[in-house]
């Protein structure tokens, strides 16, 4: 709704990746793919940490 707020302060990784890939007249998929890969790595790390803490809580 705010298109990233004042000076892109509320832009998420997903919207940033989309804008890098498809936002310009000449699409550049490399930078958008790099941000997407960072997003996947961060989600995997948080997911593994969550699973580890849940296993300790159950035991």
N, C-alpha and C. Protein backbone atom coordinates (compact mmCIF):
# COMPACT_ATOMS: atom_id res chain seq x y z
N UNK A 1 0.81 -1.20 0.00
CA UNK A 1 0.00 0.00 0.00
C UNK A 1 0.86 1.26 0.00
N UNK A 2 1.95 1.24 0.73
CA UNK A 2 2.79 2.44 0.80
C UNK A 2 3.96 2.38 -0.17
N UNK A 3 4.06 1.30 -0.93
CA UNK A 3 5.17 1.08 -1.86
C UNK A 3 6.52 1.20 -1.15
N UNK A 4 6.60 0.60 0.03
CA UNK A 4 7.86 0.61 0.77
C UNK A 4 7.97 1.70 1.80
N UNK A 5 6.95 2.51 1.95
CA UNK A 5 6.99 3.57 2.95
C UNK A 5 7.98 4.65 2.60
N UNK A 6 8.25 5.52 3.55
CA UNK A 6 9.23 6.58 3.28
C UNK A 6 10.63 5.98 3.12
N UNK A 7 11.25 6.22 2.01
CA UNK A 7 12.60 5.76 1.66
C UNK A 7 12.76 4.25 1.84
N UNK A 8 11.79 3.49 1.40
CA UNK A 8 11.82 2.01 1.42
C UNK A 8 12.02 1.43 2.81
N UNK A 9 11.53 2.06 3.85
CA UNK A 9 11.75 1.57 5.21
C UNK A 9 10.90 0.36 5.55
N UNK A 10 9.79 0.14 4.85
CA UNK A 10 8.95 -1.01 5.16
C UNK A 10 8.93 -2.05 4.03
N UNK A 11 9.94 -2.04 3.18
CA UNK A 11 10.03 -3.01 2.10
C UNK A 11 10.49 -4.35 2.65
N UNK A 12 9.80 -5.43 2.26
CA UNK A 12 10.20 -6.77 2.68
C UNK A 12 11.14 -7.38 1.66
N UNK A 13 11.77 -8.49 2.02
CA UNK A 13 12.67 -9.16 1.08
C UNK A 13 11.94 -9.64 -0.16
N UNK A 14 10.72 -10.10 0.01
CA UNK A 14 9.97 -10.61 -1.14
C UNK A 14 9.65 -9.50 -2.14
N UNK A 15 9.19 -8.36 -1.65
CA UNK A 15 8.87 -7.27 -2.57
C UNK A 15 10.14 -6.65 -3.16
N UNK A 16 11.21 -6.63 -2.39
CA UNK A 16 12.48 -6.13 -2.89
C UNK A 16 12.99 -7.02 -4.02
N UNK A 17 12.90 -8.33 -3.83
CA UNK A 17 13.31 -9.27 -4.87
C UNK A 17 12.47 -9.09 -6.13
N UNK A 18 11.17 -8.92 -5.98
CA UNK A 18 10.29 -8.72 -7.12
C UNK A 18 10.63 -7.44 -7.87
N UNK A 19 10.86 -6.37 -7.12
CA UNK A 19 11.19 -5.09 -7.76
C UNK A 19 12.53 -5.14 -8.48
N UNK A 20 13.49 -5.86 -7.91
CA UNK A 20 14.78 -6.00 -8.59
C UNK A 20 14.63 -6.80 -9.88
N UNK A 21 13.78 -7.80 -9.86
CA UNK A 21 13.64 -8.67 -11.04
C UNK A 21 12.75 -8.06 -12.11
N UNK A 22 11.60 -7.54 -11.73
CA UNK A 22 10.59 -7.13 -12.70
C UNK A 22 10.21 -5.66 -12.66
N UNK A 23 10.79 -4.88 -11.77
CA UNK A 23 10.36 -3.50 -11.58
C UNK A 23 10.82 -2.53 -12.66
N UNK A 24 11.89 -2.82 -13.34
CA UNK A 24 12.42 -1.90 -14.34
C UNK A 24 11.92 -2.26 -15.73
N UNK A 25 12.17 -1.37 -16.67
CA UNK A 25 11.79 -1.67 -18.05
C UNK A 25 12.64 -2.79 -18.63
N UNK A 26 13.90 -2.85 -18.23
CA UNK A 26 14.79 -3.93 -18.65
C UNK A 26 15.00 -4.86 -17.46
N UNK A 27 14.32 -6.01 -17.43
CA UNK A 27 14.43 -6.89 -16.25
C UNK A 27 15.83 -7.44 -16.08
N UNK A 28 16.28 -7.46 -14.84
CA UNK A 28 17.55 -8.06 -14.47
C UNK A 28 17.25 -9.10 -13.40
N UNK A 29 17.37 -10.36 -13.77
CA UNK A 29 16.95 -11.42 -12.86
C UNK A 29 18.02 -11.81 -11.86
N UNK A 30 19.26 -11.48 -12.10
CA UNK A 30 20.36 -11.87 -11.21
C UNK A 30 20.23 -11.29 -9.81
N UNK A 31 20.10 -9.97 -9.65
CA UNK A 31 19.97 -9.41 -8.30
C UNK A 31 18.70 -9.90 -7.58
N UNK A 32 17.61 -10.03 -8.31
CA UNK A 32 16.38 -10.53 -7.70
C UNK A 32 16.51 -11.97 -7.24
N UNK A 33 17.21 -12.78 -8.03
CA UNK A 33 17.44 -14.17 -7.66
C UNK A 33 18.35 -14.26 -6.44
N UNK A 34 19.32 -13.38 -6.35
CA UNK A 34 20.22 -13.38 -5.19
C UNK A 34 19.45 -13.05 -3.91
N UNK A 35 18.58 -12.08 -3.96
CA UNK A 35 17.77 -11.74 -2.78
C UNK A 35 16.82 -12.89 -2.45
N UNK A 36 16.27 -13.53 -3.47
CA UNK A 36 15.40 -14.69 -3.24
C UNK A 36 16.15 -15.83 -2.57
N UNK A 37 17.38 -16.06 -2.98
CA UNK A 37 18.18 -17.11 -2.34
C UNK A 37 18.48 -16.77 -0.89
N UNK A 38 18.78 -15.51 -0.60
CA UNK A 38 18.98 -15.09 0.79
C UNK A 38 17.72 -15.32 1.62
N UNK A 39 16.57 -15.04 1.03
CA UNK A 39 15.31 -15.25 1.73
C UNK A 39 15.10 -16.72 2.06
N UNK A 40 15.42 -17.60 1.12
CA UNK A 40 15.28 -19.03 1.36
C UNK A 40 16.23 -19.51 2.45
N UNK A 41 17.47 -19.05 2.42
CA UNK A 41 18.45 -19.44 3.43
C UNK A 41 18.01 -18.97 4.81
N UNK A 42 17.52 -17.74 4.91
CA UNK A 42 17.04 -17.23 6.20
C UNK A 42 15.85 -18.03 6.70
N UNK A 43 14.93 -18.39 5.82
CA UNK A 43 13.77 -19.19 6.23
C UNK A 43 14.21 -20.57 6.71
N UNK A 44 15.18 -21.17 6.04
CA UNK A 44 15.68 -22.48 6.49
C UNK A 44 16.34 -22.39 7.86
N UNK A 45 17.13 -21.35 8.09
CA UNK A 45 17.79 -21.19 9.39
C UNK A 45 16.76 -21.02 10.50
N UNK A 46 15.79 -20.13 10.29
CA UNK A 46 14.77 -19.92 11.31
C UNK A 46 13.94 -21.18 11.52
N UNK A 47 13.66 -21.90 10.46
CA UNK A 47 12.90 -23.14 10.59
C UNK A 47 13.65 -24.19 11.39
N UNK A 48 14.94 -24.34 11.11
CA UNK A 48 15.74 -25.31 11.86
C UNK A 48 15.87 -24.92 13.33
N UNK A 49 16.04 -23.63 13.59
CA UNK A 49 16.08 -23.18 14.99
C UNK A 49 14.76 -23.43 15.70
N UNK A 50 13.67 -23.23 15.01
CA UNK A 50 12.35 -23.47 15.60
C UNK A 50 12.16 -24.95 15.92
N UNK A 51 12.54 -25.81 14.98
CA UNK A 51 12.40 -27.25 15.22
C UNK A 51 13.27 -27.69 16.39
N UNK A 52 14.48 -27.14 16.47
CA UNK A 52 15.37 -27.51 17.58
C UNK A 52 14.79 -27.08 18.92
N UNK A 53 14.24 -25.87 19.01
CA UNK A 53 13.67 -25.42 20.28
C UNK A 53 12.41 -26.20 20.64
N UNK A 54 11.63 -26.60 19.65
CA UNK A 54 10.43 -27.39 19.93
C UNK A 54 10.79 -28.78 20.42
N UNK A 55 11.83 -29.38 19.89
CA UNK A 55 12.26 -30.71 20.36
C UNK A 55 12.74 -30.64 21.80
N UNK A 56 13.46 -29.55 22.14
CA UNK A 56 13.93 -29.41 23.53
C UNK A 56 12.75 -29.16 24.47
N UNK A 57 11.74 -28.46 24.03
CA UNK A 57 10.58 -28.16 24.87
C UNK A 57 9.76 -29.40 25.15
N UNK A 58 9.70 -30.31 24.18
CA UNK A 58 8.91 -31.53 24.35
C UNK A 58 9.62 -32.52 25.27
N UNK A 59 10.94 -32.59 25.19
CA UNK A 59 11.70 -33.56 25.99
C UNK A 59 11.75 -33.17 27.43
